[in-house]
PDB file of N, CA and C in Angstrom:
ATOM      1  N   MET A   1      65.189 109.547  85.178  1.00  0.00           N
ATOM      2  CA  MET A   1      65.051 109.978  86.449  1.00  0.00           C
ATOM      3  C   MET A   1      64.083 111.515  87.150  1.00  0.00           C
ATOM      4  N   HIS A   2      63.396 111.885  86.674  1.00  0.00           N
ATOM      5  CA  HIS A   2      63.257 113.373  87.136  1.00  0.00           C
ATOM      6  C   HIS A   2      63.162 113.548  88.519  1.00  0.00           C
ATOM      7  N   GLU A   3      63.181 112.438  89.388  1.00  0.00           N
ATOM      8  CA  GLU A   3      63.047 112.648  91.215  1.00  0.00           C
ATOM      9  C   GLU A   3      64.377 113.583  91.309  1.00  0.00           C
ATOM     10  N   VAL A   4      65.354 114.044  90.877  1.00  0.00           N
ATOM     11  CA  VAL A   4      66.452 114.539  91.064  1.00  0.00           C
ATOM     12  C   VAL A   4      66.246 115.724  90.702  1.00  0.00           C
ATOM     13  N   SER A   5      65.538 116.125  89.516  1.00  0.00           N
ATOM     14  CA  SER A   5      65.203 117.815  89.420  1.00  0.00           C
ATOM     15  C   SER A   5      64.166 118.174  90.627  1.00  0.00           C
ATOM     16  N   LEU A   6      63.389 117.215  90.869  1.00  0.00           N
ATOM     17  CA  LEU A   6      62.371 117.243  91.810  1.00  0.00           C
ATOM     18  C   LEU A   6      62.848 118.044  93.211  1.00  0.00           C
ATOM     19  N   ALA A   7      64.271 116.907  93.869  1.00  0.00           N
ATOM     20  CA  ALA A   7      64.660 116.881  94.934  1.00  0.00           C
ATOM     21  C   ALA A   7      65.221 118.419  94.722  1.00  0.00           C
ATOM     22  N   GLU A   8      66.135 118.702  93.337  1.00  0.00           N
ATOM     23  CA  GLU A   8      66.438 119.837  93.657  1.00  0.00           C
ATOM     24  C   GLU A   8      65.738 121.206  93.795  1.00  0.00           C
ATOM     25  N   SER A   9      64.304 121.097  93.277  1.00  0.00           N
ATOM     26  CA  SER A   9      63.782 122.088  93.707  1.00  0.00           C
ATOM     27  C   SER A   9      63.217 122.557  94.989  1.00  0.00           C
ATOM     28  N   ILE A  10      62.868 120.980  95.610  1.00  0.00           N
ATOM     29  CA  ILE A  10      62.708 120.912  97.150  1.00  0.00           C
ATOM     30  C   ILE A  10      63.601 121.638  97.979  1.00  0.00           C
ATOM     31  N   ILE A  11      64.538 121.492  97.523  1.00  0.00           N
ATOM     32  CA  ILE A  11      66.013 122.254  98.365  1.00  0.00           C
ATOM     33  C   ILE A  11      66.138 123.492  98.319  1.00  0.00           C
ATOM     34  N   GLU A  12      65.888 123.917  96.753  1.00  0.00           N
ATOM     35  CA  GLU A  12      65.458 125.512  96.364  1.00  0.00           C
ATOM     36  C   GLU A  12      64.460 126.186  97.353  1.00  0.00           C
ATOM     37  N   LEU A  13      63.282 125.138  97.349  1.00  0.00           N
ATOM     38  CA  LEU A  13      62.160 126.235  98.141  1.00  0.00           C
ATOM     39  C   LEU A  13      62.670 126.070  99.889  1.00  0.00           C
ATOM     40  N   ILE A  14      63.563 125.084 100.255  1.00  0.00           N
ATOM     41  CA  ILE A  14      63.623 124.928 101.469  1.00  0.00           C
ATOM     42  C   ILE A  14      64.875 126.229 101.746  1.00  0.00           C
ATOM     43  N   GLU A  15      65.887 126.093 100.913  1.00  0.00           N
ATOM     44  CA  GLU A  15      66.730 127.494 101.214  1.00  0.00           C
ATOM     45  C   GLU A  15      66.502 129.114 101.131  1.00  0.00           C
ATOM     46  N   GLN A  16      64.933 128.961  99.856  1.00  0.00           N
ATOM     47  CA  GLN A  16      64.451 130.186 100.175  1.00  0.00           C
ATOM     48  C   GLN A  16      63.685 130.467 101.417  1.00  0.00           C
ATOM     49  N   ALA A  17      63.357 129.538 102.127  1.00  0.00           N
ATOM     50  CA  ALA A  17      62.516 129.631 103.207  1.00  0.00           C
ATOM     51  C   ALA A  17      63.585 130.028 104.429  1.00  0.00           C
ATOM     52  N   ALA A  18      64.516 129.289 104.124  1.00  0.00           N
ATOM     53  CA  ALA A  18      65.377 129.973 105.446  1.00  0.00           C
ATOM     54  C   ALA A  18      66.111 131.023 105.111  1.00  0.00           C
ATOM     55  N   LEU A  19      66.221 131.712 104.001  1.00  0.00           N
ATOM     56  CA  LEU A  19      66.501 132.915 103.895  1.00  0.00           C
ATOM     57  C   LEU A  19      65.461 133.913 104.688  1.00  0.00           C
ATOM     58  N   ARG A  20      64.034 133.411 104.210  1.00  0.00           N
ATOM     59  CA  ARG A  20      62.854 134.650 104.157  1.00  0.00           C
ATOM     60  C   ARG A  20      62.692 134.120 105.918  1.00  0.00           C
ATOM     61  N   GLU A  21      62.812 133.102 107.083  1.00  0.00           N
ATOM     62  CA  GLU A  21      62.030 132.983 108.097  1.00  0.00           C
ATOM     63  C   GLU A  21      63.270 132.939 108.713  1.00  0.00           C
ATOM     64  N   GLY A  22      64.726 133.147 108.356  1.00  0.00           N
ATOM     65  CA  GLY A  22      65.539 133.193 109.567  1.00  0.00           C
ATOM     66  C   GLY A  22      66.312 131.475 109.810  1.00  0.00           C
ATOM     67  N   PHE A  23      65.826 130.767 109.767  1.00  0.00           N
ATOM     68  CA  PHE A  23      66.275 129.553 110.691  1.00  0.00           C
ATOM     69  C   PHE A  23      67.627 128.982 109.543  1.00  0.00           C
ATOM     70  N   ALA A  24      68.429 128.153 110.371  1.00  0.00           N
ATOM     71  CA  ALA A  24      69.628 127.704 109.521  1.00  0.00           C
ATOM     72  C   ALA A  24      69.910 126.054 109.659  1.00  0.00           C
ATOM     73  N   LEU A  25      68.862 125.529 110.237  1.00  0.00           N
ATOM     74  CA  LEU A  25      69.096 124.085 110.176  1.00  0.00           C
ATOM     75  C   LEU A  25      67.698 123.371 110.077  1.00  0.00           C
ATOM     76  N   VAL A  26      67.354 122.220 109.230  1.00  0.00           N
ATOM     77  CA  VAL A  26      66.226 121.485 108.867  1.00  0.00           C
ATOM     78  C   VAL A  26      66.340 120.574 109.425  1.00  0.00           C
ATOM     79  N   ARG A  27      65.574 119.672 110.567  1.00  0.00           N
ATOM     80  CA  ARG A  27      65.861 118.666 111.089  1.00  0.00           C
ATOM     81  C   ARG A  27      64.992 117.442 110.447  1.00  0.00           C
ATOM     82  N   MET A  28      63.837 117.698 109.640  1.00  0.00           N
ATOM     83  CA  MET A  28      62.674 116.875 108.801  1.00  0.00           C
ATOM     84  C   MET A  28      62.290 117.531 108.115  1.00  0.00           C
ATOM     85  N   VAL A  29      61.614 116.834 106.480  1.00  0.00           N
ATOM     86  CA  VAL A  29      60.893 117.208 105.819  1.00  0.00           C
ATOM     87  C   VAL A  29      59.988 116.392 105.514  1.00  0.00           C
ATOM     88  N   ARG A  30      58.902 116.657 105.668  1.00  0.00           N
ATOM     89  CA  ARG A  30      57.542 116.014 105.158  1.00  0.00           C
ATOM     90  C   ARG A  30      57.133 116.631 103.973  1.00  0.00           C
ATOM     91  N   LEU A  31      56.920 115.310 103.142  1.00  0.00           N
ATOM     92  CA  LEU A  31      56.444 115.477 101.521  1.00  0.00           C
ATOM     93  C   LEU A  31      55.022 114.834 101.867  1.00  0.00           C
ATOM     94  N   GLU A  32      53.870 115.545 101.030  1.00  0.00           N
ATOM     95  CA  GLU A  32      52.950 115.170 100.691  1.00  0.00           C
ATOM     96  C   GLU A  32      53.294 114.333  99.211  1.00  0.00           C
ATOM     97  N   ILE A  33      52.568 113.032  98.770  1.00  0.00           N
ATOM     98  CA  ILE A  33      53.275 113.005  97.320  1.00  0.00           C
ATOM     99  C   ILE A  33      51.795 112.083  96.720  1.00  0.00           C
ATOM    100  N   GLY A  34      50.978 112.482  95.797  1.00  0.00           N
ATOM    101  CA  GLY A  34      50.084 111.852  95.089  1.00  0.00           C
ATOM    102  C   GLY A  34      50.539 110.230  94.538  1.00  0.00           C
ATOM    103  N   GLU A  35      49.413 109.296  94.536  1.00  0.00           N
ATOM    104  CA  GLU A  35      49.743 107.951  93.982  1.00  0.00           C
ATOM    105  C   GLU A  35      50.089 108.379  92.653  1.00  0.00           C
ATOM    106  N   LEU A  36      49.074 109.403  92.395  1.00  0.00           N
ATOM    107  CA  LEU A  36      49.106 109.406  90.740  1.00  0.00           C
ATOM    108  C   LEU A  36      50.010 110.585  90.264  1.00  0.00           C
ATOM    109  N   ALA A  37      51.462 111.013  91.195  1.00  0.00           N
ATOM    110  CA  ALA A  37      52.183 111.942  90.931  1.00  0.00           C
ATOM    111  C   ALA A  37      53.204 111.556  89.688  1.00  0.00           C
ATOM    112  N   CYS A  38      53.167 110.416  89.700  1.00  0.00           N
ATOM    113  CA  CYS A  38      54.571 109.935  88.902  1.00  0.00           C
ATOM    114  C   CYS A  38      55.882 109.900  89.671  1.00  0.00           C
ATOM    115  N   VAL A  39      55.960 109.932  90.574  1.00  0.00           N
ATOM    116  CA  VAL A  39      57.169 110.061  91.245  1.00  0.00           C
ATOM    117  C   VAL A  39      57.331 108.892  92.052  1.00  0.00           C
ATOM    118  N   ASP A  40      58.485 108.142  92.082  1.00  0.00           N
ATOM    119  CA  ASP A  40      59.134 106.805  93.153  1.00  0.00           C
ATOM    120  C   ASP A  40      59.468 107.451  94.332  1.00  0.00           C
ATOM    121  N   PRO A  41      58.949 107.295  95.358  1.00  0.00           N
ATOM    122  CA  PRO A  41      59.218 107.735  96.575  1.00  0.00           C
ATOM    123  C   PRO A  41      60.914 107.299  97.388  1.00  0.00           C
ATOM    124  N   ASP A  42      60.729 106.009  96.610  1.00  0.00           N
ATOM    125  CA  ASP A  42      62.280 105.799  97.089  1.00  0.00           C
ATOM    126  C   ASP A  42      63.681 106.527  96.077  1.00  0.00           C
ATOM    127  N   ALA A  43      62.813 106.724  94.861  1.00  0.00           N
ATOM    128  CA  ALA A  43      63.867 107.616  94.079  1.00  0.00           C
ATOM    129  C   ALA A  43      64.115 108.916  94.750  1.00  0.00           C
ATOM    130  N   LEU A  44      63.170 109.382  95.173  1.00  0.00           N
ATOM    131  CA  LEU A  44      63.183 110.861  95.381  1.00  0.00           C
ATOM    132  C   LEU A  44      64.047 110.917  97.078  1.00  0.00           C
ATOM    133  N   GLU A  45      63.798 109.829  97.638  1.00  0.00           N
ATOM    134  CA  GLU A  45      64.498 109.759  99.310  1.00  0.00           C
ATOM    135  C   GLU A  45      65.960 109.967  98.449  1.00  0.00           C
ATOM    136  N   THR A  46      66.667 109.226  97.793  1.00  0.00           N
ATOM    137  CA  THR A  46      67.881 109.072  97.023  1.00  0.00           C
ATOM    138  C   THR A  46      68.361 110.383  96.682  1.00  0.00           C
ATOM    139  N   ALA A  47      67.332 111.088  95.814  1.00  0.00           N
ATOM    140  CA  ALA A  47      67.867 112.028  94.976  1.00  0.00           C
ATOM    141  C   ALA A  47      67.733 112.912  96.163  1.00  0.00           C
ATOM    142  N   PHE A  48      66.797 112.900  96.901  1.00  0.00           N
ATOM    143  CA  PHE A  48      66.873 114.106  98.632  1.00  0.00           C
ATOM    144  C   PHE A  48      68.497 114.370  99.136  1.00  0.00           C
ATOM    145  N   ALA A  49      68.896 113.271  99.085  1.00  0.00           N
ATOM    146  CA  ALA A  49      69.975 112.571 100.112  1.00  0.00           C
ATOM    147  C   ALA A  49      71.296 113.157  99.557  1.00  0.00           C
ATOM    148  N   ALA A  50      71.090 113.231  98.117  1.00  0.00           N
ATOM    149  CA  ALA A  50      72.180 113.520  97.171  1.00  0.00           C
ATOM    150  C   ALA A  50      72.088 115.489  97.281  1.00  0.00           C
ATOM    151  N   ALA A  51      71.081 115.921  96.776  1.00  0.00           N
ATOM    152  CA  ALA A  51      70.809 117.099  96.689  1.00  0.00           C
ATOM    153  C   ALA A  51      70.744 118.171  97.861  1.00  0.00           C
ATOM    154  N   CYS A  52      70.793 117.480  98.997  1.00  0.00           N
ATOM    155  CA  CYS A  52      70.831 118.733  99.992  1.00  0.00           C
ATOM    156  C   CYS A  52      72.395 118.740 100.997  1.00  0.00           C
ATOM    157  N   ARG A  53      73.057 118.146 100.318  1.00  0.00           N
ATOM    158  CA  ARG A  53      74.753 118.135 100.509  1.00  0.00           C
ATOM    159  C   ARG A  53      74.621 119.364 100.938  1.00  0.00           C
ATOM    160  N   ASP A  54      75.821 120.001 101.417  1.00  0.00           N
ATOM    161  CA  ASP A  54      76.323 121.376 101.775  1.00  0.00           C
ATOM    162  C   ASP A  54      75.052 122.368 101.999  1.00  0.00           C
ATOM    163  N   THR A  55      73.615 122.361 102.675  1.00  0.00           N
ATOM    164  CA  THR A  55      72.387 123.024 102.375  1.00  0.00           C
ATOM    165  C   THR A  55      72.236 122.887 104.145  1.00  0.00           C
ATOM    166  N   CYS A  56      71.116 123.889 104.545  1.00  0.00           N
ATOM    167  CA  CYS A  56      70.463 123.904 105.412  1.00  0.00           C
ATOM    168  C   CYS A  56      70.095 122.260 105.945  1.00  0.00           C
ATOM    169  N   ALA A  57      69.429 121.692 104.948  1.00  0.00           N
ATOM    170  CA  ALA A  57      68.632 120.395 105.495  1.00  0.00           C
ATOM    171  C   ALA A  57      69.858 119.318 104.999  1.00  0.00           C
ATOM    172  N   GLU A  58      71.161 119.546 105.081  1.00  0.00           N
ATOM    173  CA  GLU A  58      72.310 118.256 104.986  1.00  0.00           C
ATOM    174  C   GLU A  58      71.750 117.141 105.799  1.00  0.00           C
ATOM    175  N   GLN A  59      71.432 117.441 107.072  1.00  0.00           N
ATOM    176  CA  GLN A  59      70.971 116.475 108.055  1.00  0.00           C
ATOM    177  C   GLN A  59      69.522 115.995 108.356  1.00  0.00           C
ATOM    178  N   ALA A  60      68.942 116.345 107.218  1.00  0.00           N
ATOM    179  CA  ALA A  60      66.992 116.292 107.514  1.00  0.00           C
ATOM    180  C   ALA A  60      67.121 114.948 107.015  1.00  0.00           C
ATOM    181  N   ARG A  61      65.794 114.637 107.777  1.00  0.00           N
ATOM    182  CA  ARG A  61      65.258 113.311 107.351  1.00  0.00           C
ATOM    183  C   ARG A  61      64.015 113.774 106.535  1.00  0.00           C
ATOM    184  N   ILE A  62      63.759 112.660 105.918  1.00  0.00           N
ATOM    185  CA  ILE A  62      62.745 113.074 104.717  1.00  0.00           C
ATOM    186  C   ILE A  62      61.468 111.958 105.130  1.00  0.00           C
ATOM    187  N   GLU A  63      59.960 112.357 105.306  1.00  0.00           N
ATOM    188  CA  GLU A  63      59.111 111.532 105.190  1.00  0.00           C
ATOM    189  C   GLU A  63      58.163 111.754 104.291  1.00  0.00           C
ATOM    190  N   ILE A  64      57.801 110.771 104.107  1.00  0.00           N
ATOM    191  CA  ILE A  64      56.622 111.028 102.898  1.00  0.00           C
ATOM    192  C   ILE A  64      55.285 110.360 103.249  1.00  0.00           C
ATOM    193  N   GLU A  65      54.424 111.121 103.184  1.00  0.00           N
ATOM    194  CA  GLU A  65      52.857 110.835 103.030  1.00  0.00           C
ATOM    195  C   GLU A  65      52.242 110.419 101.963  1.00  0.00           C
ATOM    196  N   THR A  66      52.085 109.411 101.494  1.00  0.00           N
ATOM    197  CA  THR A  66      50.915 109.282 100.258  1.00  0.00           C
ATOM    198  C   THR A  66      49.519 109.578 100.167  1.00  0.00           C
ATOM    199  N   VAL A  67      49.060 110.487  99.343  1.00  0.00           N
ATOM    200  CA  VAL A  67      47.886 111.187  99.446  1.00  0.00           C
ATOM    201  C   VAL A  67      47.067 109.960  98.228  1.00  0.00           C
ATOM    202  N   ALA A  68      46.368 109.450  98.554  1.00  0.00           N
ATOM    203  CA  ALA A  68      45.391 108.740  97.616  1.00  0.00           C
ATOM    204  C   ALA A  68      44.871 109.471  96.481  1.00  0.00           C
ATOM    205  N   GLY A  69      44.626 108.393  95.303  1.00  0.00           N
ATOM    206  CA  GLY A  69      43.746 109.254  94.424  1.00  0.00           C
ATOM    207  C   GLY A  69      42.427 108.849  94.340  1.00  0.00           C
ATOM    208  N   GLU A  70      41.904 110.315  93.971  1.00  0.00           N
ATOM    209  CA  GLU A  70      40.560 109.993  93.825  1.00  0.00           C
ATOM    210  C   GLU A  70      40.070 110.707  92.462  1.00  0.00           C
ATOM    211  N   GLY A  71      38.684 110.176  91.973  1.00  0.00           N
ATOM    212  CA  GLY A  71      38.342 111.064  90.829  1.00  0.00           C
ATOM    213  C   GLY A  71      36.775 111.011  90.799  1.00  0.00           C
ATOM    214  N   GLU A  72      36.509 112.029  89.637  1.00  0.00           N
ATOM    215  CA  GLU A  72      34.849 112.017  89.258  1.00  0.00           C
ATOM    216  C   GLU A  72      34.824 111.607  88.361  1.00  0.00           C
ATOM    217  N   CYS A  73      33.552 110.839  88.048  1.00  0.00           N
ATOM    218  CA  CYS A  73      32.917 110.915  86.896  1.00  0.00           C
ATOM    219  C   CYS A  73      32.318 112.353  86.145  1.00  0.00           C
ATOM    220  N   PRO A  74      32.632 112.454  84.781  1.00  0.00           N
ATOM    221  CA  PRO A  74      32.304 113.581  84.063  1.00  0.00           C
ATOM    222  C   PRO A  74      30.926 113.448  83.857  1.00  0.00           C
ATOM    223  N   ASP A  75      30.379 112.097  84.046  1.00  0.00           N
ATOM    224  CA  ASP A  75      28.871 111.697  83.122  1.00  0.00           C
ATOM    225  C   ASP A  75      27.893 111.748  84.223  1.00  0.00           C
ATOM    226  N   CYS A  76      28.342 110.472  85.574  1.00  0.00           N
ATOM    227  CA  CYS A  76      27.292 110.391  86.325  1.00  0.00           C
ATOM    228  C   CYS A  76      27.557 111.055  87.519  1.00  0.00           C
ATOM    229  N   GLY A  77      28.574 111.645  87.846  1.00  0.00           N
ATOM    230  CA  GLY A  77      29.326 112.509  88.886  1.00  0.00           C
ATOM    231  C   GLY A  77      29.614 111.495  90.180  1.00  0.00           C
ATOM    232  N   ILE A  78      29.342 110.243  90.215  1.00  0.00           N
ATOM    233  CA  ILE A  78      30.085 109.618  91.416  1.00  0.00           C
ATOM    234  C   ILE A  78      31.468 109.733  91.424  1.00  0.00           C
ATOM    235  N   ARG A  79      31.935 109.919  92.987  1.00  0.00           N
ATOM    236  CA  ARG A  79      33.678 110.071  93.145  1.00  0.00           C
ATOM    237  C   ARG A  79      33.670 108.740  93.393  1.00  0.00           C
ATOM    238  N   ALA A  80      35.171 108.349  92.824  1.00  0.00           N
ATOM    239  CA  ALA A  80      35.731 107.088  93.405  1.00  0.00           C
ATOM    240  C   ALA A  80      37.334 107.151  93.399  1.00  0.00           C
ATOM    241  N   ALA A  81      37.830 106.067  94.394  1.00  0.00           N
ATOM    242  CA  ALA A  81      39.081 105.836  94.265  1.00  0.00           C
ATOM    243  C   ALA A  81      40.016 105.468  93.049  1.00  0.00           C
ATOM    244  N   MET A  82      40.747 106.340  92.741  1.00  0.00           N
ATOM    245  CA  MET A  82      41.652 106.237  91.630  1.00  0.00           C
ATOM    246  C   MET A  82      42.785 105.328  91.843  1.00  0.00           C
ATOM    247  N   PRO A  83      43.243 104.207  91.586  1.00  0.00           N
ATOM    248  CA  PRO A  83      44.370 103.699  92.154  1.00  0.00           C
ATOM    249  C   PRO A  83      45.748 103.884  90.615  1.00  0.00           C
ATOM    250  N   SER A  84      44.758 104.400  89.712  1.00  0.00           N
ATOM    251  CA  SER A  84      45.566 104.575  88.655  1.00  0.00           C
ATOM    252  C   SER A  84      45.127 105.787  87.623  1.00  0.00           C
ATOM    253  N   LEU A  85      46.099 106.699  86.692  1.00  0.00           N
ATOM    254  CA  LEU A  85      45.265 107.293  85.849  1.00  0.00           C
ATOM    255  C   LEU A  85      44.576 106.355  84.584  1.00  0.00           C
ATOM    256  N   TYR A  86      43.623 107.326  84.285  1.00  0.00           N
ATOM    257  CA  TYR A  86      42.831 106.946  83.263  1.00  0.00           C
ATOM    258  C   TYR A  86      41.774 105.608  83.649  1.00  0.00           C
ATOM    259  N   GLU A  87      41.256 105.582  85.101  1.00  0.00           N
ATOM    260  CA  GLU A  87      40.310 104.600  85.481  1.00  0.00           C
ATOM    261  C   GLU A  87      39.059 104.928  84.992  1.00  0.00           C
ATOM    262  N   LEU A  88      38.392 103.902  84.459  1.00  0.00           N
ATOM    263  CA  LEU A  88      37.073 104.169  83.870  1.00  0.00           C
ATOM    264  C   LEU A  88      36.294 104.369  85.196  1.00  0.00           C
ATOM    265  N   CYS A  89      34.882 104.876  84.953  1.00  0.00           N
ATOM    266  CA  CYS A  89      33.833 105.128  86.109  1.00  0.00           C
ATOM    267  C   CYS A  89      33.438 103.492  86.292  1.00  0.00           C
ATOM    268  N   PRO A  90      33.494 103.446  88.106  1.00  0.00           N
ATOM    269  CA  PRO A  90      33.069 102.145  88.443  1.00  0.00           C
ATOM    270  C   PRO A  90      31.731 101.926  88.358  1.00  0.00           C
ATOM    271  N   GLN A  91      30.588 102.982  88.235  1.00  0.00           N
ATOM    272  CA  GLN A  91      29.320 102.965  88.222  1.00  0.00           C
ATOM    273  C   GLN A  91      28.797 102.772  86.801  1.00  0.00           C
ATOM    274  N   CYS A  92      29.026 103.925  85.872  1.00  0.00           N
ATOM    275  CA  CYS A  92      28.886 103.853  84.230  1.00  0.00           C
ATOM    276  C   CYS A  92      29.484 103.093  83.561  1.00  0.00           C
ATOM    277  N   GLY A  93      31.038 103.004  84.171  1.00  0.00           N
ATOM    278  CA  GLY A  93      32.012 102.762  83.124  1.00  0.00           C
ATOM    279  C   GLY A  93      32.423 103.201  81.512  1.00  0.00           C
ATOM    280  N   GLU A  94      31.729 104.422  81.542  1.00  0.00           N
ATOM    281  CA  GLU A  94      31.781 105.301  80.478  1.00  0.00           C
ATOM    282  C   GLU A  94      32.737 105.731  79.831  1.00  0.00           C
ATOM    283  N   ARG A  95      33.151 106.794  81.111  1.00  0.00           N
ATOM    284  CA  ARG A  95      34.332 107.506  80.662  1.00  0.00           C
ATOM    285  C   ARG A  95      35.032 107.473  81.962  1.00  0.00           C
ATOM    286  N   PRO A  96      36.637 108.258  81.259  1.00  0.00           N
ATOM    287  CA  PRO A  96      37.979 108.144  82.323  1.00  0.00           C
ATOM    288  C   PRO A  96      37.397 108.780  83.333  1.00  0.00           C
ATOM    289  N   LEU A  97      37.371 109.105  84.676  1.00  0.00           N
ATOM    290  CA  LEU A  97      37.393 109.502  85.998  1.00  0.00           C
ATOM    291  C   LEU A  97      38.215 110.788  85.477  1.00  0.00           C
ATOM    292  N   ARG A  98      37.565 112.107  86.053  1.00  0.00           N
ATOM    293  CA  ARG A  98      38.749 113.036  86.039  1.00  0.00           C
ATOM    294  C   ARG A  98      39.105 113.391  87.699  1.00  0.00           C
ATOM    295  N   VAL A  99      40.783 113.357  87.200  1.00  0.00           N
ATOM    296  CA  VAL A  99      41.342 113.222  88.808  1.00  0.00           C
ATOM    297  C   VAL A  99      40.794 114.485  89.646  1.00  0.00           C
ATOM    298  N   ILE A 100      40.612 114.180  91.226  1.00  0.00           N
ATOM    299  CA  ILE A 100      40.339 115.461  91.958  1.00  0.00           C
ATOM    300  C   ILE A 100      41.761 115.470  92.747  1.00  0.00           C
ATOM    301  N   ARG A 101      42.481 114.651  93.381  1.00  0.00           N
ATOM    302  CA  ARG A 101      43.106 114.483  94.140  1.00  0.00           C
ATOM    303  C   ARG A 101      44.138 113.212  93.924  1.00  0.00           C
ATOM    304  N   GLY A 102      45.221 113.333  94.283  1.00  0.00           N
ATOM    305  CA  GLY A 102      46.470 112.429  93.690  1.00  0.00           C
ATOM    306  C   GLY A 102      47.655 112.746  92.862  1.00  0.00           C
ATOM    307  N   THR A 103      47.978 113.957  92.351  1.00  0.00           N
ATOM    308  CA  THR A 103      48.594 114.038  91.529  1.00  0.00           C
ATOM    309  C   THR A 103      49.748 115.379  92.053  1.00  0.00           C
ATOM    310  N   GLU A 104      49.417 115.444  93.463  1.00  0.00           N
ATOM    311  CA  GLU A 104      50.273 116.447  94.252  1.00  0.00           C
ATOM    312  C   GLU A 104      51.773 115.902  94.476  1.00  0.00           C
ATOM    313  N   LEU A 105      52.262 117.200  94.845  1.00  0.00           N
ATOM    314  CA  LEU A 105      53.943 116.970  95.231  1.00  0.00           C
ATOM    315  C   LEU A 105      53.945 118.213  96.187  1.00  0.00           C
ATOM    316  N   ARG A 106      54.003 118.067  97.272  1.00  0.00           N
ATOM    317  CA  ARG A 106      54.177 119.476  98.122  1.00  0.00           C
ATOM    318  C   ARG A 106      54.894 119.327  99.137  1.00  0.00           C
ATOM    319  N   VAL A 107      55.331 120.060  99.888  1.00  0.00           N
ATOM    320  CA  VAL A 107      56.504 120.220 101.221  1.00  0.00           C
ATOM    321  C   VAL A 107      55.237 120.533 102.545  1.00  0.00           C
ATOM    322  N   SER A 108      54.930 119.792 103.506  1.00  0.00           N
ATOM    323  CA  SER A 108      53.693 120.252 103.925  1.00  0.00           C
ATOM    324  C   SER A 108      54.726 120.582 105.504  1.00  0.00           C
ATOM    325  N   THR A 109      55.604 120.177 105.577  1.00  0.00           N
ATOM    326  CA  THR A 109      56.127 120.500 106.928  1.00  0.00           C
ATOM    327  C   THR A 109      57.378 120.561 107.071  1.00  0.00           C
ATOM    328  N   LEU A 110      58.183 121.757 107.387  1.00  0.00           N
ATOM    329  CA  LEU A 110      59.595 121.507 107.878  1.00  0.00           C
ATOM    330  C   LEU A 110      59.677 121.700 109.650  1.00  0.00           C
ATOM    331  N   ASP A 111      60.722 120.728 109.988  1.00  0.00           N
ATOM    332  CA  ASP A 111      60.910 120.968 111.497  1.00  0.00           C
ATOM    333  C   ASP A 111      62.509 121.755 111.549  1.00  0.00           C
ATOM    334  N   VAL A 112      62.332 122.938 112.044  1.00  0.00           N
ATOM    335  CA  VAL A 112      63.485 123.648 111.874  1.00  0.00           C
ATOM    336  C   VAL A 112      64.169 124.210 113.008  1.00  0.00           C
ATOM    337  N   GLU A 113      65.431 124.459 112.598  1.00  0.00           N
ATOM    338  CA  GLU A 113      66.012 125.205 114.421  1.00  0.00           C
ATOM    339  C   GLU A 113      66.651 126.394 113.670  1.00  0.00           C
TER     340      GLU A 113
END
């Protein structure tokens, strides 16, 4: 379950930002997680709840925004929705789409005091 190490990394980023920006409490953490990122949002929420104990984010709620997968065909150039990795081009069917977006995992917003 790599969500535990992801949650620990998110807390580390938050604590570094707290030192740099001078805030003491995080009320909300908003994450953008791509459909193709191979992250289980429920498992990440559980891991985050455990990882944030005794940190400035201990009372923070977590909000997750899902980023849809999108790809581009290297042969015909069409862009298409990509609900999973290795989708074939829906137009020419020749090659897997090249991922354009949907693999990201980022902290997009912190609500702090």
